[in-house]
Amino acid sequence: MLLLLSTPPDGLPVYRILTGPDDASFCQRVSEATGLGYEVHEGPAVTFNGESVIVAPALVWPARSRESGLHQ
């Protein structure tokens, strides 16, 4: 069985927005957040600043059952 946290680790908020240029470094940041358990909420906001595509995905910590605390 996999025990999941009901709140994000290290005092992180349940809702986060990551912003940055759409490059390998930014994709790594998003991958690390999803690896912790965050889920990407819908599609990201995307814009162009004249040099780079800038993305801003919202990340949310999924609600877990308070009774079981387990992901089924």
N, C-alpha and C. Protein backbone atom coordinates (compact mmCIF):
# COMPACT_ATOMS: atom_id res chain seq x y z
N MET A 1 0.84 -1.19 0.00
CA MET A 1 0.00 0.00 0.00
C MET A 1 0.88 1.24 0.00
N LEU A 2 0.40 2.27 -0.68
CA LEU A 2 1.12 3.53 -0.78
C LEU A 2 0.45 4.55 0.12
N LEU A 3 1.17 5.07 1.09
CA LEU A 3 0.65 6.09 1.99
C LEU A 3 0.91 7.46 1.39
N LEU A 4 -0.13 8.25 1.20
CA LEU A 4 0.01 9.57 0.61
C LEU A 4 -0.23 10.65 1.65
N LEU A 5 0.46 11.74 1.52
CA LEU A 5 0.32 12.85 2.44
C LEU A 5 -0.96 13.62 2.17
N SER A 6 -1.62 14.08 3.23
CA SER A 6 -2.83 14.87 3.05
C SER A 6 -2.50 16.33 2.76
N THR A 7 -1.26 16.72 3.03
CA THR A 7 -0.79 18.07 2.73
C THR A 7 0.58 17.96 2.07
N PRO A 8 0.96 18.98 1.30
CA PRO A 8 2.27 18.94 0.64
C PRO A 8 3.42 18.90 1.65
N PRO A 9 4.56 18.35 1.25
CA PRO A 9 5.71 18.29 2.15
C PRO A 9 6.39 19.65 2.31
N ASP A 10 7.20 19.74 3.33
CA ASP A 10 8.06 20.91 3.56
C ASP A 10 7.31 22.23 3.66
N GLY A 11 6.05 22.20 4.09
CA GLY A 11 5.28 23.43 4.26
C GLY A 11 4.88 24.10 2.96
N LEU A 12 4.97 23.39 1.84
CA LEU A 12 4.57 23.96 0.55
C LEU A 12 3.06 24.19 0.53
N PRO A 13 2.59 25.17 -0.24
CA PRO A 13 1.16 25.44 -0.30
C PRO A 13 0.42 24.38 -1.12
N VAL A 14 -0.90 24.28 -0.93
CA VAL A 14 -1.68 23.31 -1.70
C VAL A 14 -1.93 23.81 -3.12
N TYR A 15 -1.76 25.10 -3.36
CA TYR A 15 -1.95 25.69 -4.69
C TYR A 15 -0.70 26.47 -5.05
N ARG A 16 -0.16 26.20 -6.22
CA ARG A 16 1.06 26.89 -6.66
C ARG A 16 0.93 27.22 -8.14
N ILE A 17 1.56 28.30 -8.54
CA ILE A 17 1.72 28.61 -9.96
C ILE A 17 3.21 28.72 -10.22
N LEU A 18 3.69 27.93 -11.15
CA LEU A 18 5.09 28.02 -11.57
C LEU A 18 5.12 28.82 -12.86
N THR A 19 6.08 29.71 -12.99
CA THR A 19 6.22 30.49 -14.22
C THR A 19 7.66 30.43 -14.70
N GLY A 20 7.80 30.51 -16.01
CA GLY A 20 9.14 30.54 -16.57
C GLY A 20 9.13 30.25 -18.05
N PRO A 21 10.29 30.42 -18.67
CA PRO A 21 10.40 30.10 -20.10
C PRO A 21 10.22 28.61 -20.31
N ASP A 22 9.60 28.26 -21.42
CA ASP A 22 9.34 26.85 -21.74
C ASP A 22 10.63 26.20 -22.23
N ASP A 23 11.46 25.79 -21.27
CA ASP A 23 12.73 25.16 -21.61
C ASP A 23 12.92 23.92 -20.73
N ALA A 24 14.02 23.24 -20.90
CA ALA A 24 14.28 22.00 -20.16
C ALA A 24 14.31 22.23 -18.65
N SER A 25 14.88 23.34 -18.21
CA SER A 25 14.95 23.64 -16.79
C SER A 25 13.56 23.82 -16.19
N PHE A 26 12.70 24.54 -16.91
CA PHE A 26 11.34 24.74 -16.42
C PHE A 26 10.58 23.42 -16.39
N CYS A 27 10.72 22.62 -17.43
CA CYS A 27 10.05 21.32 -17.47
C CYS A 27 10.51 20.44 -16.31
N GLN A 28 11.77 20.54 -15.93
CA GLN A 28 12.29 19.79 -14.78
C GLN A 28 11.60 20.25 -13.50
N ARG A 29 11.40 21.57 -13.33
CA ARG A 29 10.70 22.08 -12.13
C ARG A 29 9.30 21.53 -12.03
N VAL A 30 8.58 21.51 -13.16
CA VAL A 30 7.22 20.97 -13.16
C VAL A 30 7.26 19.48 -12.87
N SER A 31 8.20 18.77 -13.46
CA SER A 31 8.33 17.33 -13.21
C SER A 31 8.61 17.04 -11.74
N GLU A 32 9.44 17.84 -11.11
CA GLU A 32 9.74 17.65 -9.69
C GLU A 32 8.48 17.87 -8.85
N ALA A 33 7.69 18.88 -9.19
CA ALA A 33 6.46 19.15 -8.44
C ALA A 33 5.46 18.01 -8.60
N THR A 34 5.30 17.51 -9.82
CA THR A 34 4.38 16.39 -10.02
C THR A 34 4.92 15.12 -9.36
N GLY A 35 6.22 15.00 -9.29
CA GLY A 35 6.83 13.87 -8.60
C GLY A 35 6.55 13.88 -7.10
N LEU A 36 6.39 15.07 -6.53
CA LEU A 36 6.03 15.20 -5.12
C LEU A 36 4.58 14.82 -4.87
N GLY A 37 3.75 14.92 -5.91
CA GLY A 37 2.34 14.59 -5.75
C GLY A 37 1.39 15.65 -6.26
N TYR A 38 1.92 16.82 -6.66
CA TYR A 38 1.07 17.86 -7.24
C TYR A 38 0.48 17.39 -8.56
N GLU A 39 -0.69 17.92 -8.90
CA GLU A 39 -1.31 17.67 -10.18
C GLU A 39 -1.44 18.98 -10.93
N VAL A 40 -1.23 18.94 -12.25
CA VAL A 40 -1.40 20.14 -13.07
C VAL A 40 -2.90 20.38 -13.22
N HIS A 41 -3.33 21.59 -12.93
CA HIS A 41 -4.75 21.94 -13.02
C HIS A 41 -5.03 22.58 -14.37
N GLU A 42 -5.77 21.84 -15.20
CA GLU A 42 -6.16 22.30 -16.54
C GLU A 42 -4.92 22.65 -17.36
N GLY A 43 -5.07 23.46 -18.38
CA GLY A 43 -3.95 23.85 -19.23
C GLY A 43 -3.23 25.06 -18.66
N PRO A 44 -1.97 25.26 -19.03
CA PRO A 44 -1.22 26.41 -18.51
C PRO A 44 -1.58 27.69 -19.26
N ALA A 45 -1.32 28.81 -18.63
CA ALA A 45 -1.35 30.09 -19.34
C ALA A 45 -0.05 30.17 -20.13
N VAL A 46 -0.12 30.69 -21.35
CA VAL A 46 1.05 30.77 -22.22
C VAL A 46 1.10 32.15 -22.86
N THR A 47 2.28 32.74 -22.90
CA THR A 47 2.46 34.02 -23.56
C THR A 47 3.84 34.06 -24.20
N PHE A 48 4.10 35.08 -24.98
CA PHE A 48 5.41 35.27 -25.63
C PHE A 48 5.91 36.64 -25.22
N ASN A 49 7.12 36.71 -24.69
CA ASN A 49 7.67 37.98 -24.20
C ASN A 49 8.58 38.67 -25.22
N GLY A 50 8.53 38.24 -26.47
CA GLY A 50 9.39 38.81 -27.49
C GLY A 50 10.65 38.01 -27.72
N GLU A 51 10.99 37.16 -26.76
CA GLU A 51 12.17 36.30 -26.88
C GLU A 51 11.85 34.83 -26.63
N SER A 52 11.01 34.57 -25.64
CA SER A 52 10.72 33.20 -25.23
C SER A 52 9.23 33.01 -25.01
N VAL A 53 8.81 31.76 -25.14
CA VAL A 53 7.46 31.39 -24.72
C VAL A 53 7.51 31.21 -23.20
N ILE A 54 6.61 31.91 -22.51
CA ILE A 54 6.53 31.83 -21.05
C ILE A 54 5.27 31.05 -20.70
N VAL A 55 5.43 30.06 -19.83
CA VAL A 55 4.30 29.24 -19.41
C VAL A 55 4.05 29.40 -17.92
N ALA A 56 2.81 29.19 -17.52
CA ALA A 56 2.44 29.32 -16.11
C ALA A 56 1.36 28.29 -15.78
N PRO A 57 1.77 27.07 -15.46
CA PRO A 57 0.79 26.08 -15.05
C PRO A 57 0.43 26.24 -13.57
N ALA A 58 -0.85 26.04 -13.28
CA ALA A 58 -1.28 25.99 -11.88
C ALA A 58 -1.13 24.54 -11.41
N LEU A 59 -0.61 24.37 -10.23
CA LEU A 59 -0.45 23.05 -9.64
C LEU A 59 -1.26 22.99 -8.36
N VAL A 60 -1.97 21.90 -8.17
CA VAL A 60 -2.78 21.73 -6.96
C VAL A 60 -2.42 20.43 -6.28
N TRP A 61 -2.51 20.45 -4.97
CA TRP A 61 -2.31 19.23 -4.20
C TRP A 61 -3.65 18.52 -4.16
N PRO A 62 -3.73 17.26 -4.61
CA PRO A 62 -5.02 16.58 -4.68
C PRO A 62 -5.62 16.34 -3.31
N ALA A 63 -6.94 16.48 -3.26
CA ALA A 63 -7.66 16.20 -2.01
C ALA A 63 -7.61 14.71 -1.75
N ARG A 64 -7.35 14.34 -0.55
CA ARG A 64 -7.32 12.92 -0.15
C ARG A 64 -8.42 12.68 0.87
N SER A 65 -8.88 11.49 0.92
CA SER A 65 -9.86 11.12 1.93
C SER A 65 -9.22 11.25 3.31
N ARG A 66 -9.86 12.00 4.17
CA ARG A 66 -9.33 12.14 5.54
C ARG A 66 -9.47 10.85 6.33
N GLU A 67 -10.43 10.02 5.96
CA GLU A 67 -10.64 8.78 6.69
C GLU A 67 -9.55 7.76 6.41
N SER A 68 -9.24 7.55 5.14
CA SER A 68 -8.29 6.49 4.81
C SER A 68 -6.87 7.03 4.68
N GLY A 69 -6.74 8.23 4.08
CA GLY A 69 -5.40 8.75 3.83
C GLY A 69 -4.67 7.98 2.76
N LEU A 70 -5.34 7.04 2.10
CA LEU A 70 -4.71 6.21 1.09
C LEU A 70 -5.31 6.48 -0.27
N HIS A 71 -4.47 6.45 -1.27
CA HIS A 71 -4.91 6.60 -2.66
C HIS A 71 -5.31 5.23 -3.18
N GLN A 72 -6.50 5.12 -3.71
CA GLN A 72 -6.96 3.82 -4.19
C GLN A 72 -6.99 3.80 -5.68
